[in-house]
Amino acid sequence: MSSPPNYYLSPEEYLTLERQAEFKSEYVDGVTYARAGSSVRHNVIVGNVLAEFNIQLRKTNCTVFPSDLKVRVPNSKRFFYPDVSMVCGEIQFADDERDVVLNPVVIVEVLSDSTAAFDRGKKFQSYQQIESLREYLLVSQDEFVVEHFLRQDDGHWLYTKAAGLDEAIAIPTLECRLALADIYSKVT
């Protein structure tokens, strides 16, 4: 049995198709990858993270976005739908459709068994090319753990891990903190 053909799409072709699609696909180097549906735990965690950031940032110039907004990695053929992303100041869009952001400062991904390796590897490597990105958070849905990467002035990334419901993670770029008890509220 032969494998299905592997079709290459240009970034422009991807955006045209994606804007008409009934489901979301991420785009890496000419190939689209359909996003699988999320678990209840995943959705509760994303909702909690969105709520906490919205509450803490409501009086700032930062905007919090759910996973329906794409982020484009500059000078590449990569588009992703982060679970949560934040932009502070003026939002830079890729075009007049205003559905692709170029300048996130913080990105959050909630890990699942099927995405953890990609989120830690190729996706994080791609995100590091975004000059505006200062912080990257990986939130486990299998244990009460948040991993935090903070870009240093020299371009290196400082890693911090918070584990347990009594812990909190500082987000210096946004001048806020996320308590793990709030992130994992109603997660059993």
Protein backbone atom coordinates (compact mmCIF):
# COMPACT_ATOMS: atom_id res chain seq x y z
CA MET A 1 0.00 0.00 0.00
CA SER A 2 1.42 3.38 -0.93
CA SER A 3 1.45 6.34 1.37
CA PRO A 4 -0.73 9.35 0.55
CA PRO A 5 0.94 12.03 -1.55
CA ASN A 6 2.71 14.77 0.37
CA TYR A 7 1.56 18.10 -1.08
CA TYR A 8 3.64 21.21 -0.61
CA LEU A 9 1.76 24.46 -0.03
CA SER A 10 3.17 27.95 -0.16
CA PRO A 11 2.42 30.16 2.87
CA GLU A 12 -0.08 32.08 0.73
CA GLU A 13 -1.85 28.87 -0.35
CA TYR A 14 -1.96 27.69 3.25
CA LEU A 15 -3.56 30.94 4.45
CA THR A 16 -6.14 30.91 1.64
CA LEU A 17 -7.17 27.32 2.47
CA GLU A 18 -6.97 27.80 6.23
CA ARG A 19 -9.24 30.82 6.18
CA GLN A 20 -11.93 28.73 4.46
CA ALA A 21 -11.41 25.52 6.45
CA GLU A 22 -13.84 24.10 8.99
CA PHE A 23 -10.98 22.91 11.21
CA LYS A 24 -7.59 24.30 12.23
CA SER A 25 -4.28 23.18 10.78
CA GLU A 26 -0.81 24.31 11.69
CA TYR A 27 1.73 24.80 8.90
CA VAL A 28 5.39 23.80 9.01
CA ASP A 29 7.66 24.16 6.00
CA GLY A 30 4.99 23.66 3.35
CA VAL A 31 3.04 20.88 5.07
CA THR A 32 -0.19 21.27 7.05
CA TYR A 33 -0.92 19.34 10.22
CA ALA A 34 -4.53 19.07 11.40
CA ARG A 35 -5.00 19.88 15.05
CA ALA A 36 -6.67 17.16 17.06
CA GLY A 37 -9.55 17.90 19.40
CA SER A 38 -8.64 18.72 22.98
CA SER A 39 -9.52 16.88 26.18
CA VAL A 40 -11.72 18.32 28.91
CA ARG A 41 -8.62 18.76 31.11
CA HIS A 42 -6.85 20.65 28.31
CA ASN A 43 -9.81 22.98 27.79
CA VAL A 44 -10.28 23.67 31.51
CA ILE A 45 -6.57 24.53 31.89
CA VAL A 46 -6.60 26.80 28.82
CA GLY A 47 -9.74 28.52 30.10
CA ASN A 48 -8.16 29.05 33.52
CA VAL A 49 -4.95 30.46 32.03
CA LEU A 50 -6.95 32.81 29.78
CA ALA A 51 -9.08 33.97 32.72
CA GLU A 52 -6.08 34.58 35.00
CA PHE A 53 -4.17 36.56 32.38
CA ASN A 54 -7.27 38.56 31.43
CA ILE A 55 -7.94 39.47 35.07
CA GLN A 56 -4.33 40.48 35.77
CA LEU A 57 -3.80 42.32 32.47
CA ARG A 58 -7.16 44.08 32.08
CA LYS A 59 -5.71 47.51 32.96
CA THR A 60 -2.56 47.15 30.84
CA ASN A 61 -1.83 47.54 27.14
CA CYS A 62 -1.55 43.74 26.78
CA THR A 63 -4.11 41.65 24.90
CA VAL A 64 -4.71 37.96 25.62
CA PHE A 65 -5.65 35.66 22.75
CA PRO A 66 -7.09 32.12 22.78
CA SER A 67 -6.05 29.45 20.30
CA ASP A 68 -8.13 30.79 17.41
CA LEU A 69 -5.42 33.30 16.44
CA LYS A 70 -2.42 32.15 14.42
CA VAL A 71 1.17 33.18 15.13
CA ARG A 72 3.63 33.33 12.26
CA VAL A 73 7.31 32.72 12.74
CA PRO A 74 9.18 35.46 10.84
CA ASN A 75 11.14 34.66 7.70
CA SER A 76 9.84 31.10 7.69
CA LYS A 77 7.06 28.89 6.47
CA ARG A 78 5.60 28.22 9.92
CA PHE A 79 2.22 29.14 11.38
CA PHE A 80 0.99 27.89 14.75
CA TYR A 81 -2.11 28.20 16.93
CA PRO A 82 -0.74 28.64 20.48
CA ASP A 83 -3.16 27.68 23.24
CA VAL A 84 -2.77 31.19 24.69
CA SER A 85 -0.72 34.14 23.44
CA MET A 86 -0.25 37.71 24.56
CA VAL A 87 0.73 40.88 22.75
CA CYS A 88 1.62 44.09 24.56
CA GLY A 89 1.30 47.40 22.77
CA GLU A 90 0.37 47.59 19.11
CA ILE A 91 -0.59 44.27 17.56
CA GLN A 92 1.31 43.54 14.35
CA PHE A 93 -0.69 41.48 11.87
CA ALA A 94 0.68 39.63 8.84
CA ASP A 95 -1.94 41.14 6.51
CA ASP A 96 -5.31 42.88 6.33
CA GLU A 97 -7.20 39.73 7.40
CA ARG A 98 -5.91 40.39 10.95
CA ASP A 99 -5.86 36.71 11.89
CA VAL A 100 -2.09 36.15 12.00
CA VAL A 101 -0.06 37.84 14.74
CA LEU A 102 3.64 38.57 14.33
CA ASN A 103 4.62 39.97 17.75
CA PRO A 104 3.55 37.85 20.73
CA VAL A 105 5.48 38.47 23.95
CA VAL A 106 4.26 35.41 25.85
CA ILE A 107 3.06 32.07 24.49
CA VAL A 108 1.49 29.25 26.50
CA GLU A 109 1.11 25.66 25.30
CA VAL A 110 -0.79 23.02 27.27
CA LEU A 111 0.95 19.70 26.80
CA SER A 112 -0.70 16.45 25.79
CA ASP A 113 0.84 13.06 25.10
CA SER A 114 0.55 13.64 21.36
CA THR A 115 2.00 17.19 21.32
CA ALA A 116 4.54 17.35 24.18
CA ALA A 117 7.62 16.41 22.15
CA PHE A 118 6.71 18.81 19.33
CA ASP A 119 5.84 21.67 21.74
CA ARG A 120 9.20 21.23 23.53
CA GLY A 121 11.19 20.71 20.34
CA LYS A 122 10.45 22.03 16.86
CA LYS A 123 7.68 24.38 17.96
CA PHE A 124 9.80 25.99 20.70
CA GLN A 125 12.76 26.26 18.32
CA SER A 126 10.46 27.99 15.86
CA TYR A 127 9.01 30.34 18.48
CA GLN A 128 12.53 31.38 19.51
CA GLN A 129 12.89 33.09 16.11
CA ILE A 130 10.16 35.59 17.07
CA GLU A 131 12.08 38.64 18.30
CA SER A 132 9.23 39.94 20.44
CA LEU A 133 8.80 36.65 22.33
CA ARG A 134 10.09 36.97 25.89
CA GLU A 135 8.47 34.02 27.66
CA TYR A 136 7.22 30.53 26.83
CA LEU A 137 5.18 28.41 29.23
CA LEU A 138 4.51 24.69 28.99
CA VAL A 139 1.62 23.55 31.18
CA SER A 140 1.25 19.85 31.89
CA GLN A 141 -2.22 18.40 31.96
CA ASP A 142 -1.09 15.13 33.56
CA GLU A 143 0.51 16.62 36.66
CA PHE A 144 0.52 19.99 38.40
CA VAL A 145 3.64 21.31 36.66
CA VAL A 146 4.37 24.49 34.71
CA GLU A 147 7.68 24.94 32.90
CA HIS A 148 8.77 28.48 32.18
CA PHE A 149 11.35 29.74 29.70
CA LEU A 150 12.47 33.37 29.95
CA ARG A 151 14.60 34.94 27.20
CA GLN A 152 17.69 36.61 28.65
CA ASP A 153 19.34 39.74 27.25
CA ASP A 154 22.04 37.57 25.65
CA GLY A 155 19.40 35.49 23.81
CA HIS A 156 19.70 32.43 26.03
CA TRP A 157 16.61 31.00 27.72
CA LEU A 158 16.38 30.62 31.50
CA TYR A 159 14.38 27.56 32.59
CA THR A 160 12.23 27.46 35.73
CA LYS A 161 9.84 24.76 36.87
CA ALA A 162 6.97 25.08 39.33
CA ALA A 163 5.39 21.89 40.66
CA GLY A 164 2.49 21.48 43.06
CA LEU A 165 -0.66 23.43 43.78
CA ASP A 166 1.12 25.58 46.41
CA GLU A 167 3.52 26.99 43.79
CA ALA A 168 3.26 30.02 41.48
CA ILE A 169 5.17 31.07 38.40
CA ALA A 170 6.30 34.67 37.86
CA ILE A 171 5.81 36.19 34.41
CA PRO A 172 8.20 39.19 34.53
CA THR A 173 7.37 40.50 31.04
CA LEU A 174 3.75 40.97 32.08
CA GLU A 175 4.51 41.83 35.71
CA CYS A 176 2.18 39.14 36.99
CA ARG A 177 2.16 35.72 38.64
CA LEU A 178 0.14 32.61 37.93
CA ALA A 179 -0.70 30.40 40.88
CA LEU A 180 -0.79 26.74 39.93
CA ALA A 181 -3.90 26.36 42.13
CA ASP A 182 -5.64 28.82 39.76
CA ILE A 183 -4.28 27.20 36.58
CA TYR A 184 -5.49 23.78 37.73
CA SER A 185 -8.76 24.89 39.34
CA LYS A 186 -11.47 22.27 38.65
CA VAL A 187 -8.92 19.89 37.09
CA THR A 188 -9.15 16.47 38.69
